[in-house]
Amino acid sequence: MGLITNRQVNGEFRHALCSDKITNDCTVSLETRERSYLFPLYLYSDTKKPKKSKSLGNVMMLFEPETPYNIKRPNISETLQKSLSSTYKKEPSPEEIFYYIYALLYSETYRTKFAEFLKIDFPRVPFTTDYKLFKKMGVHGKRLVDLHLMKSEDLNTPAAKYQGMGGNKVEKMRFVDGKLYINSEQYFERITKDVWQYQVGGYQVCDKWLKDRKGRVLSVDDIKHYCKIVTALQKTIEIQKEINEIYPEIEVETIAM
């Protein structure tokens, strides 16, 4: 699992996402300036130093021998880990730290307050001195991570529904009164305006996913997946509101690093 974010953004900061796969540098934006960086939660290394191999000149091996990555360590600053452990009187797990950070980056209050700084550098994370608040934020963060990795049980009850008879081909899209048409006859319904307009980075999620499939016929699995995307966005918006309510408490007292 890893955190995807940007060092610079041109507009509003919406540039936080998680992934359990390797990503490219345009994951959340097509703009060259808004290059994405992937920060893995854990780093893995080989248990033994690689054996020296005979030189093959300029020949590049297409398939290298599999490396046994047996050493696993958190990709978290030791200084931060020690500071949190000292403050909380217990050592938070790497996952708990990850979930806290993820929740904080989805606070609209945080995004607005530090808007100018977020345009020029990586996000800076204030850590609360209140362990209960740290845990509370982490719960919200885990919910977001599960939604964004499409692993949440909340996705089993889709918010959207697919309607209409036809060939399921994505042609001309239009959003009208909560209905998102993919052609003249077929549409996804029960999509709210804020879900339709929701962006991650430079992408309007609901629009981008279908645009990438224009001219294609959606399978049953595609349709189910899209309904889950809509559900994930709806739940994300709900969780963000809960995060915004408790975010001001974080800045009352933060850990000095």
C-alpha atoms as a PDB file:
ATOM      1  CA  MET A   1       0.000   0.000   0.000  1.00  0.00           C
ATOM      2  CA  GLY A   2       1.226   3.479  -0.796  1.00  0.00           C
ATOM      3  CA  LEU A   3       0.268   7.140  -0.705  1.00  0.00           C
ATOM      4  CA  ILE A   4       0.082   9.084  -3.961  1.00  0.00           C
ATOM      5  CA  THR A   5       0.449  12.849  -3.773  1.00  0.00           C
ATOM      6  CA  ASN A   6       2.058  15.775  -5.557  1.00  0.00           C
ATOM      7  CA  ARG A   7       4.814  18.257  -4.837  1.00  0.00           C
ATOM      8  CA  GLN A   8       3.146  21.073  -6.740  1.00  0.00           C
ATOM      9  CA  VAL A   9      -0.405  21.743  -7.919  1.00  0.00           C
ATOM     10  CA  ASN A  10      -1.788  24.460 -10.176  1.00  0.00           C
ATOM     11  CA  GLY A  11      -5.255  24.786  -8.674  1.00  0.00           C
ATOM     12  CA  GLU A  12      -6.953  23.447  -5.570  1.00  0.00           C
ATOM     13  CA  PHE A  13      -5.293  20.598  -3.699  1.00  0.00           C
ATOM     14  CA  ARG A  14      -7.227  17.412  -4.338  1.00  0.00           C
ATOM     15  CA  HIS A  15      -4.095  15.421  -4.969  1.00  0.00           C
ATOM     16  CA  ALA A  16      -4.166  12.553  -2.490  1.00  0.00           C
ATOM     17  CA  LEU A  17      -4.896   8.951  -3.354  1.00  0.00           C
ATOM     18  CA  CYS A  18      -3.811   5.494  -2.242  1.00  0.00           C
ATOM     19  CA  SER A  19      -2.878   2.455  -4.265  1.00  0.00           C
ATOM     20  CA  ASP A  20      -1.830  -1.146  -3.776  1.00  0.00           C
ATOM     21  CA  LYS A  21      -0.206  -1.191  -7.218  1.00  0.00           C
ATOM     22  CA  ILE A  22       2.710   0.542  -8.919  1.00  0.00           C
ATOM     23  CA  THR A  23       1.508   3.759 -10.577  1.00  0.00           C
ATOM     24  CA  ASN A  24       2.752   6.117 -13.252  1.00  0.00           C
ATOM     25  CA  ASP A  25       3.572   9.794 -12.732  1.00  0.00           C
ATOM     26  CA  CYS A  26       0.256  11.028 -14.177  1.00  0.00           C
ATOM     27  CA  THR A  27      -1.996   9.121 -11.790  1.00  0.00           C
ATOM     28  CA  VAL A  28      -3.880  12.153 -10.509  1.00  0.00           C
ATOM     29  CA  SER A  29      -3.085  14.751 -13.167  1.00  0.00           C
ATOM     30  CA  LEU A  30      -2.082  14.964 -16.814  1.00  0.00           C
ATOM     31  CA  GLU A  31      -0.232  18.252 -16.270  1.00  0.00           C
ATOM     32  CA  THR A  32       3.547  17.878 -16.402  1.00  0.00           C
ATOM     33  CA  ARG A  33       3.993  20.222 -13.450  1.00  0.00           C
ATOM     34  CA  GLU A  34       1.636  18.160 -11.317  1.00  0.00           C
ATOM     35  CA  ARG A  35       3.721  15.004 -11.288  1.00  0.00           C
ATOM     36  CA  SER A  36       2.533  12.251  -8.953  1.00  0.00           C
ATOM     37  CA  TYR A  37       4.800  10.586  -6.396  1.00  0.00           C
ATOM     38  CA  LEU A  38       4.122   7.202  -4.821  1.00  0.00           C
ATOM     39  CA  PHE A  39       5.231   6.727  -1.197  1.00  0.00           C
ATOM     40  CA  PRO A  40       5.044   3.034  -0.236  1.00  0.00           C
ATOM     41  CA  LEU A  41       4.131   2.257   3.355  1.00  0.00           C
ATOM     42  CA  TYR A  42       6.791  -0.463   3.552  1.00  0.00           C
ATOM     43  CA  LEU A  43      10.168  -0.967   1.913  1.00  0.00           C
ATOM     44  CA  TYR A  44      11.461  -4.443   1.140  1.00  0.00           C
ATOM     45  CA  SER A  45      15.035  -5.542   0.641  1.00  0.00           C
ATOM     46  CA  ASP A  46      16.877  -8.758  -0.071  1.00  0.00           C
ATOM     47  CA  THR A  47      18.250 -10.786   2.835  1.00  0.00           C
ATOM     48  CA  LYS A  48      21.533 -11.366   1.039  1.00  0.00           C
ATOM     49  CA  LYS A  49      23.728  -9.283  -1.154  1.00  0.00           C
ATOM     50  CA  PRO A  50      23.260 -10.200  -4.831  1.00  0.00           C
ATOM     51  CA  LYS A  51      25.913 -12.467  -6.293  1.00  0.00           C
ATOM     52  CA  LYS A  52      28.210 -10.982  -8.844  1.00  0.00           C
ATOM     53  CA  SER A  53      27.261 -12.120 -12.325  1.00  0.00           C
ATOM     54  CA  LYS A  54      29.356 -12.378 -15.425  1.00  0.00           C
ATOM     55  CA  SER A  55      29.332  -9.244 -17.517  1.00  0.00           C
ATOM     56  CA  LEU A  56      27.045  -9.398 -20.531  1.00  0.00           C
ATOM     57  CA  GLY A  57      28.281  -6.166 -22.023  1.00  0.00           C
ATOM     58  CA  ASN A  58      25.402  -4.008 -23.166  1.00  0.00           C
ATOM     59  CA  VAL A  59      22.892  -6.861 -23.160  1.00  0.00           C
ATOM     60  CA  MET A  60      19.869  -6.205 -20.927  1.00  0.00           C
ATOM     61  CA  MET A  61      18.239  -9.208 -19.303  1.00  0.00           C
ATOM     62  CA  LEU A  62      14.501  -9.260 -19.924  1.00  0.00           C
ATOM     63  CA  PHE A  63      13.802 -11.633 -17.039  1.00  0.00           C
ATOM     64  CA  GLU A  64      16.013 -11.461 -13.960  1.00  0.00           C
ATOM     65  CA  PRO A  65      16.059 -14.229 -11.328  1.00  0.00           C
ATOM     66  CA  GLU A  66      13.383 -13.713  -8.697  1.00  0.00           C
ATOM     67  CA  THR A  67      14.686 -11.932  -5.607  1.00  0.00           C
ATOM     68  CA  PRO A  68      13.542 -13.119  -2.166  1.00  0.00           C
ATOM     69  CA  TYR A  69      12.483  -9.879  -0.508  1.00  0.00           C
ATOM     70  CA  ASN A  70      12.380 -10.994   3.104  1.00  0.00           C
ATOM     71  CA  ILE A  71      13.342  -7.847   4.995  1.00  0.00           C
ATOM     72  CA  LYS A  72      10.415  -5.495   5.505  1.00  0.00           C
ATOM     73  CA  ARG A  73      10.643  -2.117   7.202  1.00  0.00           C
ATOM     74  CA  PRO A  74       8.250   0.832   7.501  1.00  0.00           C
ATOM     75  CA  ASN A  75       8.921   3.731   5.161  1.00  0.00           C
ATOM     76  CA  ILE A  76       8.427   6.157   8.061  1.00  0.00           C
ATOM     77  CA  SER A  77      10.941   8.507   9.643  1.00  0.00           C
ATOM     78  CA  GLU A  78      12.428   7.116  12.857  1.00  0.00           C
ATOM     79  CA  THR A  79      12.276  10.626  14.307  1.00  0.00           C
ATOM     80  CA  LEU A  80       8.532  10.776  13.698  1.00  0.00           C
ATOM     81  CA  GLN A  81       7.971   7.272  15.058  1.00  0.00           C
ATOM     82  CA  LYS A  82       9.887   8.061  18.259  1.00  0.00           C
ATOM     83  CA  SER A  83       8.117  11.402  18.696  1.00  0.00           C
ATOM     84  CA  LEU A  84       4.664   9.841  18.329  1.00  0.00           C
ATOM     85  CA  SER A  85       5.542   6.956  20.667  1.00  0.00           C
ATOM     86  CA  SER A  86       6.845   9.385  23.285  1.00  0.00           C
ATOM     87  CA  THR A  87       3.760  11.604  23.056  1.00  0.00           C
ATOM     88  CA  TYR A  88       1.159   8.832  22.979  1.00  0.00           C
ATOM     89  CA  LYS A  89       2.986   6.565  25.477  1.00  0.00           C
ATOM     90  CA  LYS A  90       2.513   3.732  23.012  1.00  0.00           C
ATOM     91  CA  GLU A  91       3.886   2.983  19.580  1.00  0.00           C
ATOM     92  CA  PRO A  92       1.376   3.492  16.757  1.00  0.00           C
ATOM     93  CA  SER A  93       1.628   1.019  13.922  1.00  0.00           C
ATOM     94  CA  PRO A  94       2.752   2.167  10.444  1.00  0.00           C
ATOM     95  CA  GLU A  95      -0.796   1.533   9.228  1.00  0.00           C
ATOM     96  CA  GLU A  96      -2.274   3.787  11.934  1.00  0.00           C
ATOM     97  CA  ILE A  97       0.087   6.584  10.913  1.00  0.00           C
ATOM     98  CA  PHE A  98      -0.817   6.054   7.262  1.00  0.00           C
ATOM     99  CA  TYR A  99      -4.556   6.211   7.965  1.00  0.00           C
ATOM    100  CA  TYR A 100      -4.157   9.385  10.046  1.00  0.00           C
ATOM    101  CA  ILE A 101      -2.216  11.110   7.265  1.00  0.00           C
ATOM    102  CA  TYR A 102      -4.715   9.990   4.649  1.00  0.00           C
ATOM    103  CA  ALA A 103      -7.665  11.330   6.611  1.00  0.00           C
ATOM    104  CA  LEU A 104      -5.938  14.655   7.209  1.00  0.00           C
ATOM    105  CA  LEU A 105      -5.179  15.117   3.507  1.00  0.00           C
ATOM    106  CA  TYR A 106      -8.914  14.744   2.837  1.00  0.00           C
ATOM    107  CA  SER A 107      -9.863  17.564   5.212  1.00  0.00           C
ATOM    108  CA  GLU A 108     -11.297  20.445   3.191  1.00  0.00           C
ATOM    109  CA  THR A 109     -10.377  22.767   6.059  1.00  0.00           C
ATOM    110  CA  TYR A 110      -6.730  21.674   5.854  1.00  0.00           C
ATOM    111  CA  ARG A 111      -6.735  21.961   2.069  1.00  0.00           C
ATOM    112  CA  THR A 112      -8.157  25.482   2.185  1.00  0.00           C
ATOM    113  CA  LYS A 113      -6.003  26.779   5.024  1.00  0.00           C
ATOM    114  CA  PHE A 114      -2.743  25.626   3.458  1.00  0.00           C
ATOM    115  CA  ALA A 115      -3.796  26.141  -0.172  1.00  0.00           C
ATOM    116  CA  GLU A 116      -0.889  28.414  -1.091  1.00  0.00           C
ATOM    117  CA  PHE A 117       1.729  26.167   0.487  1.00  0.00           C
ATOM    118  CA  LEU A 118       0.260  23.073  -1.184  1.00  0.00           C
ATOM    119  CA  LYS A 119       0.871  24.710  -4.558  1.00  0.00           C
ATOM    120  CA  ILE A 120       4.638  24.755  -4.088  1.00  0.00           C
ATOM    121  CA  ASP A 121       5.656  21.763  -1.981  1.00  0.00           C
ATOM    122  CA  PHE A 122       4.686  18.366  -0.631  1.00  0.00           C
ATOM    123  CA  PRO A 123       1.913  18.376   2.008  1.00  0.00           C
ATOM    124  CA  ARG A 124       3.127  18.924   5.578  1.00  0.00           C
ATOM    125  CA  VAL A 125       1.259  16.919   8.192  1.00  0.00           C
ATOM    126  CA  PRO A 126       0.425  18.299  11.657  1.00  0.00           C
ATOM    127  CA  PHE A 127       0.176  15.481  14.213  1.00  0.00           C
ATOM    128  CA  THR A 128      -2.149  16.002  17.153  1.00  0.00           C
ATOM    129  CA  THR A 129      -0.862  15.400  20.678  1.00  0.00           C
ATOM    130  CA  ASP A 130      -4.215  13.832  21.568  1.00  0.00           C
ATOM    131  CA  TYR A 131      -4.007  10.065  21.089  1.00  0.00           C
ATOM    132  CA  LYS A 132      -7.789   9.628  21.046  1.00  0.00           C
ATOM    133  CA  LEU A 133      -8.062  12.218  18.286  1.00  0.00           C
ATOM    134  CA  PHE A 134      -5.215  10.503  16.413  1.00  0.00           C
ATOM    135  CA  LYS A 135      -7.152   7.229  16.564  1.00  0.00           C
ATOM    136  CA  LYS A 136     -10.413   8.901  15.574  1.00  0.00           C
ATOM    137  CA  MET A 137      -8.831  10.414  12.478  1.00  0.00           C
ATOM    138  CA  GLY A 138      -7.281   7.048  11.710  1.00  0.00           C
ATOM    139  CA  VAL A 139     -10.683   5.370  11.685  1.00  0.00           C
ATOM    140  CA  HIS A 140     -11.869   7.859   9.059  1.00  0.00           C
ATOM    141  CA  GLY A 141      -8.646   7.349   7.123  1.00  0.00           C
ATOM    142  CA  LYS A 142      -9.056   3.573   7.058  1.00  0.00           C
ATOM    143  CA  ARG A 143     -12.596   3.930   5.777  1.00  0.00           C
ATOM    144  CA  LEU A 144     -11.331   6.162   2.977  1.00  0.00           C
ATOM    145  CA  VAL A 145      -8.490   3.788   2.106  1.00  0.00           C
ATOM    146  CA  ASP A 146     -10.851   0.806   1.927  1.00  0.00           C
ATOM    147  CA  LEU A 147     -13.216   2.781  -0.306  1.00  0.00           C
ATOM    148  CA  HIS A 148     -10.457   3.987  -2.624  1.00  0.00           C
ATOM    149  CA  LEU A 149      -8.927   0.518  -2.926  1.00  0.00           C
ATOM    150  CA  MET A 150     -12.444  -0.752  -3.707  1.00  0.00           C
ATOM    151  CA  LYS A 151     -12.334  -3.138  -0.747  1.00  0.00           C
ATOM    152  CA  SER A 152     -14.969  -1.602   1.510  1.00  0.00           C
ATOM    153  CA  GLU A 153     -18.083  -3.542   2.453  1.00  0.00           C
ATOM    154  CA  ASP A 154     -20.009  -0.290   1.903  1.00  0.00           C
ATOM    155  CA  LEU A 155     -19.577  -0.896  -1.821  1.00  0.00           C
ATOM    156  CA  ASN A 156     -21.793  -3.973  -1.634  1.00  0.00           C
ATOM    157  CA  THR A 157     -24.820  -1.670  -1.536  1.00  0.00           C
ATOM    158  CA  PRO A 158     -24.339   0.533  -4.607  1.00  0.00           C
ATOM    159  CA  ALA A 159     -25.661   4.085  -4.565  1.00  0.00           C
ATOM    160  CA  ALA A 160     -26.180   4.151  -8.347  1.00  0.00           C
ATOM    161  CA  LYS A 161     -28.350   2.001 -10.585  1.00  0.00           C
ATOM    162  CA  TYR A 162     -28.093   1.239 -14.297  1.00  0.00           C
ATOM    163  CA  GLN A 163     -31.225   1.646 -16.412  1.00  0.00           C
ATOM    164  CA  GLY A 164     -32.428   1.440 -20.025  1.00  0.00           C
ATOM    165  CA  MET A 165     -32.404  -1.008 -22.919  1.00  0.00           C
ATOM    166  CA  GLY A 166     -29.639  -1.025 -25.494  1.00  0.00           C
ATOM    167  CA  GLY A 167     -26.181  -2.251 -26.355  1.00  0.00           C
ATOM    168  CA  ASN A 168     -24.335  -0.718 -23.372  1.00  0.00           C
ATOM    169  CA  LYS A 169     -22.056   1.237 -25.689  1.00  0.00           C
ATOM    170  CA  VAL A 170     -20.494   4.448 -24.342  1.00  0.00           C
ATOM    171  CA  GLU A 171     -21.306   7.113 -26.920  1.00  0.00           C
ATOM    172  CA  LYS A 172     -22.286  10.649 -25.969  1.00  0.00           C
ATOM    173  CA  MET A 173     -22.441  11.341 -22.242  1.00  0.00           C
ATOM    174  CA  ARG A 174     -24.706  13.865 -20.571  1.00  0.00           C
ATOM    175  CA  PHE A 175     -25.673  14.463 -16.959  1.00  0.00           C
ATOM    176  CA  VAL A 176     -29.302  15.510 -16.394  1.00  0.00           C
ATOM    177  CA  ASP A 177     -31.201  15.582 -13.083  1.00  0.00           C
ATOM    178  CA  GLY A 178     -29.207  12.858 -11.396  1.00  0.00           C
ATOM    179  CA  LYS A 179     -29.042  10.667 -14.490  1.00  0.00           C
ATOM    180  CA  LEU A 180     -25.802  10.094 -16.374  1.00  0.00           C
ATOM    181  CA  TYR A 181     -26.540   8.964 -19.916  1.00  0.00           C
ATOM    182  CA  ILE A 182     -23.891   6.966 -21.774  1.00  0.00           C
ATOM    183  CA  ASN A 183     -25.988   6.952 -24.963  1.00  0.00           C
ATOM    184  CA  SER A 184     -29.472   8.091 -25.976  1.00  0.00           C
ATOM    185  CA  GLU A 185     -31.265   5.285 -24.114  1.00  0.00           C
ATOM    186  CA  GLN A 186     -29.119   3.999 -21.245  1.00  0.00           C
ATOM    187  CA  TYR A 187     -27.996   5.735 -18.095  1.00  0.00           C
ATOM    188  CA  PHE A 188     -26.799   5.486 -14.502  1.00  0.00           C
ATOM    189  CA  GLU A 189     -29.274   7.030 -12.085  1.00  0.00           C
ATOM    190  CA  ARG A 190     -29.167   8.277  -8.491  1.00  0.00           C
ATOM    191  CA  ILE A 191     -25.940  10.221  -9.026  1.00  0.00           C
ATOM    192  CA  THR A 192     -25.924  13.477  -7.084  1.00  0.00           C
ATOM    193  CA  LYS A 193     -24.425  16.644  -8.515  1.00  0.00           C
ATOM    194  CA  ASP A 194     -21.596  16.733  -5.970  1.00  0.00           C
ATOM    195  CA  VAL A 195     -20.659  13.127  -6.809  1.00  0.00           C
ATOM    196  CA  TRP A 196     -20.748  13.893 -10.548  1.00  0.00           C
ATOM    197  CA  GLN A 197     -18.475  16.907 -10.060  1.00  0.00           C
ATOM    198  CA  TYR A 198     -16.102  15.253  -7.571  1.00  0.00           C
ATOM    199  CA  GLN A 199     -12.445  15.463  -8.557  1.00  0.00           C
ATOM    200  CA  VAL A 200      -9.306  13.634  -7.539  1.00  0.00           C
ATOM    201  CA  GLY A 201      -6.376  15.712  -8.697  1.00  0.00           C
ATOM    202  CA  GLY A 202      -7.125  17.021 -12.166  1.00  0.00           C
ATOM    203  CA  TYR A 203      -9.717  14.370 -12.971  1.00  0.00           C
ATOM    204  CA  GLN A 204     -13.485  14.518 -12.623  1.00  0.00           C
ATOM    205  CA  VAL A 205     -13.774  10.876 -11.644  1.00  0.00           C
ATOM    206  CA  CYS A 206     -17.237   9.919 -12.942  1.00  0.00           C
ATOM    207  CA  ASP A 207     -16.608  11.641 -16.262  1.00  0.00           C
ATOM    208  CA  LYS A 208     -13.028  10.448 -16.769  1.00  0.00           C
ATOM    209  CA  TRP A 209     -13.747   6.761 -16.221  1.00  0.00           C
ATOM    210  CA  LEU A 210     -16.428   6.721 -18.922  1.00  0.00           C
ATOM    211  CA  LYS A 211     -14.514   8.981 -21.337  1.00  0.00           C
ATOM    212  CA  ASP A 212     -11.648   6.488 -21.279  1.00  0.00           C
ATOM    213  CA  ARG A 213     -14.148   3.877 -22.495  1.00  0.00           C
ATOM    214  CA  LYS A 214     -15.885   5.901 -25.182  1.00  0.00           C
ATOM    215  CA  GLY A 215     -16.759   3.698 -28.145  1.00  0.00           C
ATOM    216  CA  ARG A 216     -16.587   0.556 -26.027  1.00  0.00           C
ATOM    217  CA  VAL A 217     -19.367  -1.747 -24.868  1.00  0.00           C
ATOM    218  CA  LEU A 218     -19.591  -1.964 -21.081  1.00  0.00           C
ATOM    219  CA  SER A 219     -19.638  -5.474 -19.644  1.00  0.00           C
ATOM    220  CA  VAL A 220     -21.758  -6.458 -16.658  1.00  0.00           C
ATOM    221  CA  ASP A 221     -18.627  -6.234 -14.498  1.00  0.00           C
ATOM    222  CA  ASP A 222     -17.878  -2.748 -15.878  1.00  0.00           C
ATOM    223  CA  ILE A 223     -21.371  -1.572 -14.961  1.00  0.00           C
ATOM    224  CA  LYS A 224     -21.120  -3.029 -11.453  1.00  0.00           C
ATOM    225  CA  HIS A 225     -17.682  -1.454 -11.001  1.00  0.00           C
ATOM    226  CA  TYR A 226     -18.917   1.968 -12.075  1.00  0.00           C
ATOM    227  CA  CYS A 227     -21.788   1.779  -9.589  1.00  0.00           C
ATOM    228  CA  LYS A 228     -19.210   1.034  -6.909  1.00  0.00           C
ATOM    229  CA  ILE A 229     -17.137   4.048  -7.983  1.00  0.00           C
ATOM    230  CA  VAL A 230     -20.184   6.276  -7.532  1.00  0.00           C
ATOM    231  CA  THR A 231     -20.774   4.725  -4.109  1.00  0.00           C
ATOM    232  CA  ALA A 232     -17.128   5.246  -3.095  1.00  0.00           C
ATOM    233  CA  LEU A 233     -17.339   8.925  -4.047  1.00  0.00           C
ATOM    234  CA  GLN A 234     -20.591   9.421  -2.173  1.00  0.00           C
ATOM    235  CA  LYS A 235     -19.161   7.808   0.958  1.00  0.00           C
ATOM    236  CA  THR A 236     -15.947   9.823   0.577  1.00  0.00           C
ATOM    237  CA  ILE A 237     -17.901  13.079   0.630  1.00  0.00           C
ATOM    238  CA  GLU A 238     -19.752  11.944   3.768  1.00  0.00           C
ATOM    239  CA  ILE A 239     -16.512  11.010   5.540  1.00  0.00           C
ATOM    240  CA  GLN A 240     -14.875  14.296   4.542  1.00  0.00           C
ATOM    241  CA  LYS A 241     -17.637  16.173   6.340  1.00  0.00           C
ATOM    242  CA  GLU A 242     -16.940  14.149   9.493  1.00  0.00           C
ATOM    243  CA  ILE A 243     -13.199  14.847   9.188  1.00  0.00           C
ATOM    244  CA  ASN A 244     -13.836  18.580   8.807  1.00  0.00           C
ATOM    245  CA  GLU A 245     -15.787  18.612  12.054  1.00  0.00           C
ATOM    246  CA  ILE A 246     -12.857  17.307  14.099  1.00  0.00           C
ATOM    247  CA  TYR A 247      -9.940  18.821  12.170  1.00  0.00           C
ATOM    248  CA  PRO A 248      -9.892  22.127  14.186  1.00  0.00           C
ATOM    249  CA  GLU A 249      -9.159  20.065  17.315  1.00  0.00           C
ATOM    250  CA  ILE A 250      -5.928  18.830  15.723  1.00  0.00           C
ATOM    251  CA  GLU A 251      -4.443  22.303  15.518  1.00  0.00           C
ATOM    252  CA  VAL A 252      -5.103  23.072  19.185  1.00  0.00           C
ATOM    253  CA  GLU A 253      -1.833  21.367  20.044  1.00  0.00           C
ATOM    254  CA  THR A 254       0.478  19.580  17.628  1.00  0.00           C
ATOM    255  CA  ILE A 255       3.682  17.626  18.060  1.00  0.00           C
ATOM    256  CA  ALA A 256       6.825  19.708  17.543  1.00  0.00           C
ATOM    257  CA  MET A 257       9.164  17.999  15.101  1.00  0.00           C
END
